Amino acid sequence: RNHSLKMAEVKLDSYSKSFGGFQKIYEHKSDVTKCSMKFAIYLPPQAEHSKVPVLYWLSGLTCNEQNFIVKSGAQKYAAEHGVIIVAPDTSPRGCKIDGDNESYDFGVGAGFYVDATEEKWKTNYNMYSYVTKELPAVVNANFPVLSDQQGIFGHSMGGHGALICALKNPGMYKSVSALAPICNPINAPLGQKAFTGYLGPDKELWKRYDATELAKSYSGPMFSNYILIDQGKDDEFLATQLLPDNFIQGCQSRKIPVVLRMHEGYDHGYFFVSSFIGDHIKMHAEAFKQSK
């Protein structure tokens, strides 16, 4: 669907100085989700004087724009490497759709980064278009970003989002990485529930939002370095929901460079994310340097 994008005004909700830069929260009216959306943006000290690369972070189930900026410790690394980090919400909010708040894994806080096709959800639940079209347009118009130096990364449902956004838009992102992503949602109960709800029963449509399936048919340019995936070995979702080995096989079938690092003793939460977020931001920063 072509969503016509009118440039929304952004309203500053809050800001705090952090590592020489500023962590800010903005709100804007979205044409794509038909509601007010909030996003967090970290502006490193370098952004005061020049345009800098931008990283989009996609969060997981139950999260909003706050979780990553409070728990990940990313600001230190963003300041060090001179990158902006934008962290949107995970779903529309306040739409008053019957059933949108009944479970943690569907509806509010669980947009799954798809454009819904089912009648009940398709007006608002267009997080794929929001993340790949509307949000970058808003960010590029309002902040000092190098719009040709974009990367994307995320955690869990957001790791799934980052991988599909990169694979569905060859050349848009210089780099992509993920922490404990849902790699093969068509074969995971969480993904099957979400895709049935948002996309209906057509399994071929599901495949268009599945990173493993997209990797198997990818023919675009390679990313500036490699796809980095970190995964805790003590993650309770690893065997049933995340399925990283399937994604690795998909990448290998198309010779897409990918690195999967398995970490002893780590679970699925933000203590895991904060332990490795510095490596991810560094990897993206190196990709931006290579691609200049």
Protein backbone atom coordinates (compact mmCIF):
# COMPACT_ATOMS: atom_id res chain seq x y z
CA ARG A 1 0.00 0.00 0.00
CA ASN A 2 1.20 3.49 -0.78
CA HIS A 3 0.68 5.62 2.29
CA SER A 4 0.75 9.28 1.32
CA LEU A 5 3.13 10.96 3.72
CA LYS A 6 2.37 14.46 4.87
CA MET A 7 5.18 15.85 6.99
CA ALA A 8 4.02 15.76 10.59
CA GLU A 9 5.18 18.28 13.13
CA VAL A 10 7.15 16.74 15.96
CA LYS A 11 6.51 17.82 19.53
CA LEU A 12 9.22 17.50 22.19
CA ASP A 13 7.94 15.57 25.22
CA SER A 14 11.13 15.33 27.30
CA TYR A 15 14.91 15.58 27.15
CA SER A 16 17.87 14.71 29.37
CA LYS A 17 21.57 15.30 28.86
CA SER A 18 23.48 12.03 28.52
CA PHE A 19 27.16 11.42 27.67
CA GLY A 20 27.53 14.93 26.26
CA GLY A 21 24.51 14.56 23.99
CA PHE A 22 20.77 14.54 24.58
CA GLN A 23 18.22 11.77 25.00
CA LYS A 24 14.90 13.12 23.78
CA ILE A 25 11.34 11.86 23.35
CA TYR A 26 9.15 13.28 20.59
CA GLU A 27 5.54 12.79 19.62
CA HIS A 28 3.92 13.19 16.21
CA LYS A 29 0.66 12.43 14.46
CA SER A 30 1.15 9.45 12.17
CA ASP A 31 -0.62 9.18 8.81
CA VAL A 32 0.37 5.54 8.65
CA THR A 33 -0.95 4.34 12.01
CA LYS A 34 -3.68 7.00 12.29
CA CYS A 35 -2.72 7.83 15.87
CA SER A 36 -0.18 9.78 17.86
CA MET A 37 3.22 8.01 17.94
CA LYS A 38 6.16 8.59 20.25
CA PHE A 39 9.79 7.91 19.44
CA ALA A 40 12.99 8.27 21.40
CA ILE A 41 16.05 9.82 19.77
CA TYR A 42 19.57 10.07 21.14
CA LEU A 43 21.55 12.94 19.64
CA PRO A 44 25.29 12.49 20.30
CA PRO A 45 27.51 15.53 20.92
CA GLN A 46 28.81 15.33 17.32
CA ALA A 47 25.28 16.11 16.04
CA GLU A 48 25.53 19.66 17.38
CA HIS A 49 28.04 20.56 14.67
CA SER A 50 27.45 18.17 11.76
CA LYS A 51 25.18 15.56 10.27
CA VAL A 52 25.80 12.04 11.57
CA PRO A 53 24.70 8.48 10.68
CA VAL A 54 21.44 7.16 12.13
CA LEU A 55 20.60 3.81 13.69
CA TYR A 56 17.02 2.61 14.10
CA TRP A 57 16.39 0.38 17.11
CA LEU A 58 13.27 -1.83 17.16
CA SER A 59 12.13 -3.11 20.55
CA GLY A 60 10.42 -6.34 21.54
CA LEU A 61 7.05 -7.43 22.87
CA THR A 62 5.44 -5.27 25.59
CA CYS A 63 7.95 -2.44 25.04
CA ASN A 64 7.37 1.18 24.15
CA GLU A 65 9.88 3.91 23.24
CA GLN A 66 11.24 3.94 26.81
CA ASN A 67 12.61 0.45 27.49
CA PHE A 68 15.69 0.60 25.29
CA ILE A 69 16.80 4.07 26.33
CA VAL A 70 16.46 3.29 30.05
CA LYS A 71 17.88 -0.23 30.13
CA SER A 72 20.40 -0.73 27.32
CA GLY A 73 23.16 1.74 28.15
CA ALA A 74 23.40 2.54 24.44
CA GLN A 75 23.94 6.30 24.86
CA LYS A 76 27.58 5.86 25.93
CA TYR A 77 28.42 3.96 22.74
CA ALA A 78 26.35 6.24 20.48
CA ALA A 79 28.28 9.23 21.86
CA GLU A 80 31.60 7.46 21.41
CA HIS A 81 30.89 6.55 17.77
CA GLY A 82 28.90 9.67 16.86
CA VAL A 83 25.65 8.06 15.76
CA ILE A 84 22.03 9.05 16.33
CA ILE A 85 19.78 6.26 17.65
CA VAL A 86 16.04 6.41 16.99
CA ALA A 87 13.80 4.04 19.00
CA PRO A 88 10.12 4.02 18.01
CA ASP A 89 7.21 2.43 19.85
CA THR A 90 6.27 -1.19 19.05
CA SER A 91 2.65 -0.58 18.03
CA PRO A 92 -0.03 2.05 17.61
CA ARG A 93 -1.70 3.08 20.89
CA GLY A 94 -5.07 4.48 21.87
CA CYS A 95 -6.86 3.11 18.80
CA LYS A 96 -9.60 1.42 20.86
CA ILE A 97 -9.73 -1.70 18.71
CA ASP A 98 -11.68 -4.47 20.44
CA GLY A 99 -9.20 -7.09 21.72
CA ASP A 100 -6.05 -4.99 21.23
CA ASN A 101 -5.11 -5.15 24.91
CA GLU A 102 -5.94 -8.72 25.88
CA SER A 103 -2.54 -10.40 25.60
CA TYR A 104 1.11 -9.36 25.71
CA ASP A 105 1.91 -10.95 22.34
CA PHE A 106 -0.77 -9.39 20.13
CA GLY A 107 -2.17 -5.88 19.72
CA VAL A 108 -0.78 -3.05 21.84
CA GLY A 109 2.98 -3.45 22.35
CA ALA A 110 3.08 -6.22 19.76
CA GLY A 111 2.80 -4.75 16.28
CA PHE A 112 5.31 -7.28 14.85
CA TYR A 113 6.52 -4.74 12.27
CA VAL A 114 4.03 -5.86 9.60
CA ASP A 115 1.42 -3.95 7.59
CA ALA A 116 -1.82 -5.66 8.59
CA THR A 117 -4.21 -6.82 5.87
CA GLU A 118 -7.04 -8.07 8.10
CA GLU A 119 -9.96 -5.63 8.18
CA LYS A 120 -9.92 -5.00 11.92
CA TRP A 121 -6.22 -4.11 12.10
CA LYS A 122 -5.26 -2.72 8.69
CA THR A 123 -6.18 0.92 9.39
CA ASN A 124 -3.74 1.30 12.29
CA TYR A 125 -1.36 -1.64 12.48
CA ASN A 126 1.09 -0.61 9.77
CA MET A 127 4.34 -0.68 11.73
CA TYR A 128 6.33 -1.91 8.74
CA SER A 129 5.48 1.21 6.70
CA TYR A 130 5.88 3.36 9.79
CA VAL A 131 9.44 2.14 10.43
CA THR A 132 10.62 2.01 6.82
CA LYS A 133 8.86 5.06 5.32
CA GLU A 134 7.17 7.53 7.65
CA LEU A 135 9.56 7.55 10.60
CA PRO A 136 12.72 8.01 8.47
CA ALA A 137 10.99 10.85 6.59
CA VAL A 138 10.15 12.55 9.90
CA VAL A 139 13.67 12.00 11.26
CA ASN A 140 15.39 13.18 8.08
CA ALA A 141 13.28 16.36 8.01
CA ASN A 142 13.84 17.30 11.66
CA PHE A 143 17.29 16.09 12.74
CA PRO A 144 20.91 16.31 11.51
CA VAL A 145 21.14 12.84 9.98
CA LEU A 146 23.10 11.53 7.02
CA SER A 147 20.08 9.92 5.37
CA ASP A 148 22.24 7.68 3.18
CA GLN A 149 23.98 6.29 6.30
CA GLN A 150 21.21 4.28 7.95
CA GLY A 151 21.43 1.08 9.95
CA ILE A 152 18.82 -0.97 11.79
CA PHE A 153 18.92 -3.32 14.79
CA GLY A 154 16.60 -4.70 17.42
CA HIS A 155 15.76 -7.26 20.09
CA SER A 156 13.39 -10.25 20.01
CA MET A 157 10.28 -9.17 18.03
CA GLY A 158 12.32 -6.08 17.16
CA GLY A 159 15.21 -8.24 15.97
CA HIS A 160 12.72 -9.87 13.62
CA GLY A 161 11.65 -6.36 12.58
CA ALA A 162 15.21 -5.22 11.90
CA LEU A 163 16.05 -8.28 9.81
CA ILE A 164 12.91 -8.07 7.66
CA CYS A 165 13.18 -4.30 7.14
CA ALA A 166 16.76 -4.73 5.90
CA LEU A 167 16.08 -7.76 3.72
CA LYS A 168 12.88 -6.30 2.19
CA ASN A 169 14.60 -3.01 1.28
CA PRO A 170 17.91 -3.82 -0.44
CA GLY A 171 20.30 -0.87 -0.23
CA MET A 172 18.26 1.16 2.27
CA TYR A 173 20.32 0.13 5.29
CA LYS A 174 24.11 -0.07 5.29
CA SER A 175 24.05 -2.51 8.18
CA VAL A 176 21.72 -4.73 10.21
CA SER A 177 22.07 -6.66 13.45
CA ALA A 178 19.87 -8.29 16.08
CA LEU A 179 19.88 -9.58 19.63
CA ALA A 180 17.85 -12.76 20.26
CA PRO A 181 15.62 -12.15 17.20
CA ILE A 182 12.53 -14.14 16.22
CA CYS A 183 14.23 -15.43 13.07
CA ASN A 184 11.58 -17.69 11.55
CA PRO A 185 8.17 -16.51 12.79
CA ILE A 186 6.14 -18.73 10.44
CA ASN A 187 7.52 -21.68 12.46
CA ALA A 188 7.24 -20.06 15.91
CA PRO A 189 4.04 -19.96 18.00
CA LEU A 190 4.40 -16.20 18.69
CA GLY A 191 4.80 -15.46 15.00
CA GLN A 192 1.99 -17.78 13.95
CA LYS A 193 -0.42 -16.09 16.37
CA ALA A 194 0.55 -12.58 15.26
CA PHE A 195 0.57 -13.35 11.54
CA THR A 196 -2.81 -15.09 11.73
CA GLY A 197 -4.27 -12.06 13.48
CA TYR A 198 -2.73 -9.33 11.34
CA LEU A 199 -2.33 -11.07 7.98
CA GLY A 200 -4.98 -13.80 7.96
CA PRO A 201 -4.53 -17.45 6.93
CA ASP A 202 -2.48 -16.96 3.72
CA LYS A 203 0.91 -18.53 4.54
CA GLU A 204 2.47 -17.07 1.38
CA LEU A 205 1.76 -13.60 2.77
CA TRP A 206 3.38 -14.62 6.08
CA LYS A 207 6.61 -15.47 4.24
CA ARG A 208 6.97 -11.83 3.14
CA TYR A 209 7.57 -10.93 6.80
CA ASP A 210 9.77 -13.87 7.75
CA ALA A 211 13.54 -13.20 7.90
CA THR A 212 14.49 -16.80 7.11
CA GLU A 213 12.21 -16.92 4.06
CA LEU A 214 13.41 -13.48 2.91
CA ALA A 215 17.06 -14.53 3.26
CA LYS A 216 16.44 -17.59 1.08
CA SER A 217 15.28 -15.39 -1.81
CA TYR A 218 17.48 -12.31 -1.21
CA SER A 219 19.26 -10.99 -4.30
CA GLY A 220 20.11 -7.42 -3.29
CA PRO A 221 23.45 -5.81 -2.46
CA MET A 222 25.32 -7.18 0.55
CA PHE A 223 25.51 -5.17 3.75
CA SER A 224 28.67 -3.18 4.43
CA ASN A 225 30.09 -5.93 6.64
CA TYR A 226 27.97 -8.83 7.94
CA ILE A 227 24.70 -9.44 9.77
CA LEU A 228 25.56 -9.76 13.47
CA ILE A 229 23.29 -11.82 15.73
CA ASP A 230 23.89 -12.32 19.45
CA GLN A 231 21.96 -14.98 21.33
CA GLY A 232 22.00 -16.15 24.95
CA LYS A 233 22.23 -19.89 25.46
CA ASP A 234 19.97 -19.74 28.55
CA ASP A 235 17.23 -17.89 26.67
CA GLU A 236 13.92 -19.59 27.47
CA PHE A 237 12.60 -18.77 23.97
CA LEU A 238 15.58 -20.06 22.00
CA ALA A 239 14.41 -23.55 21.02
CA THR A 240 10.74 -22.83 20.31
CA GLN A 241 10.42 -19.16 19.29
CA LEU A 242 13.72 -17.73 18.02
CA LEU A 243 15.18 -20.44 15.73
CA PRO A 244 18.41 -18.66 14.70
CA ASP A 245 19.87 -21.76 13.03
CA ASN A 246 17.11 -21.61 10.40
CA PHE A 247 18.07 -18.03 9.57
CA ILE A 248 21.77 -18.90 9.34
CA GLN A 249 20.93 -21.66 6.84
CA GLY A 250 18.81 -19.21 4.83
CA CYS A 251 21.68 -16.72 4.71
CA GLN A 252 24.20 -19.37 3.74
CA SER A 253 21.98 -20.49 0.86
CA ARG A 254 22.36 -16.99 -0.64
CA LYS A 255 25.94 -16.43 0.58
CA ILE A 256 24.84 -13.54 2.83
CA PRO A 257 27.63 -12.95 5.39
CA VAL A 258 26.23 -13.58 8.87
CA VAL A 259 27.80 -14.06 12.30
CA LEU A 260 25.86 -15.80 15.08
CA ARG A 261 27.46 -15.56 18.52
CA MET A 262 26.06 -17.86 21.22
CA HIS A 263 26.68 -16.70 24.79
CA GLU A 264 26.86 -19.07 27.75
CA GLY A 265 24.55 -18.26 30.67
CA TYR A 266 22.67 -15.26 29.18
CA ASP A 267 18.87 -15.14 29.08
CA HIS A 268 16.47 -13.11 26.91
CA GLY A 269 16.28 -9.83 28.83
CA TYR A 270 17.94 -6.44 28.92
CA PHE A 271 20.87 -7.58 31.09
CA PHE A 272 21.81 -9.63 28.02
CA VAL A 273 21.08 -6.76 25.62
CA SER A 274 23.15 -4.26 27.62
CA SER A 275 26.09 -6.68 27.73
CA PHE A 276 26.47 -6.72 23.94
CA ILE A 277 24.85 -3.49 22.70
CA GLY A 278 28.28 -1.80 22.50
CA ASP A 279 29.49 -4.42 20.02
CA HIS A 280 26.47 -3.79 17.82
CA ILE A 281 26.81 -0.02 17.76
CA LYS A 282 30.53 -0.39 16.99
CA MET A 283 29.77 -2.81 14.13
CA HIS A 284 27.27 -0.37 12.60
CA ALA A 285 29.67 2.58 13.03
CA GLU A 286 32.37 0.60 11.18
CA ALA A 287 29.90 -0.19 8.41
CA PHE A 288 29.11 3.51 7.99
CA LYS A 289 32.84 4.32 7.73
CA GLN A 290 33.36 1.60 5.10
CA SER A 291 30.48 2.77 2.96
CA LYS A 292 31.46 6.46 2.76
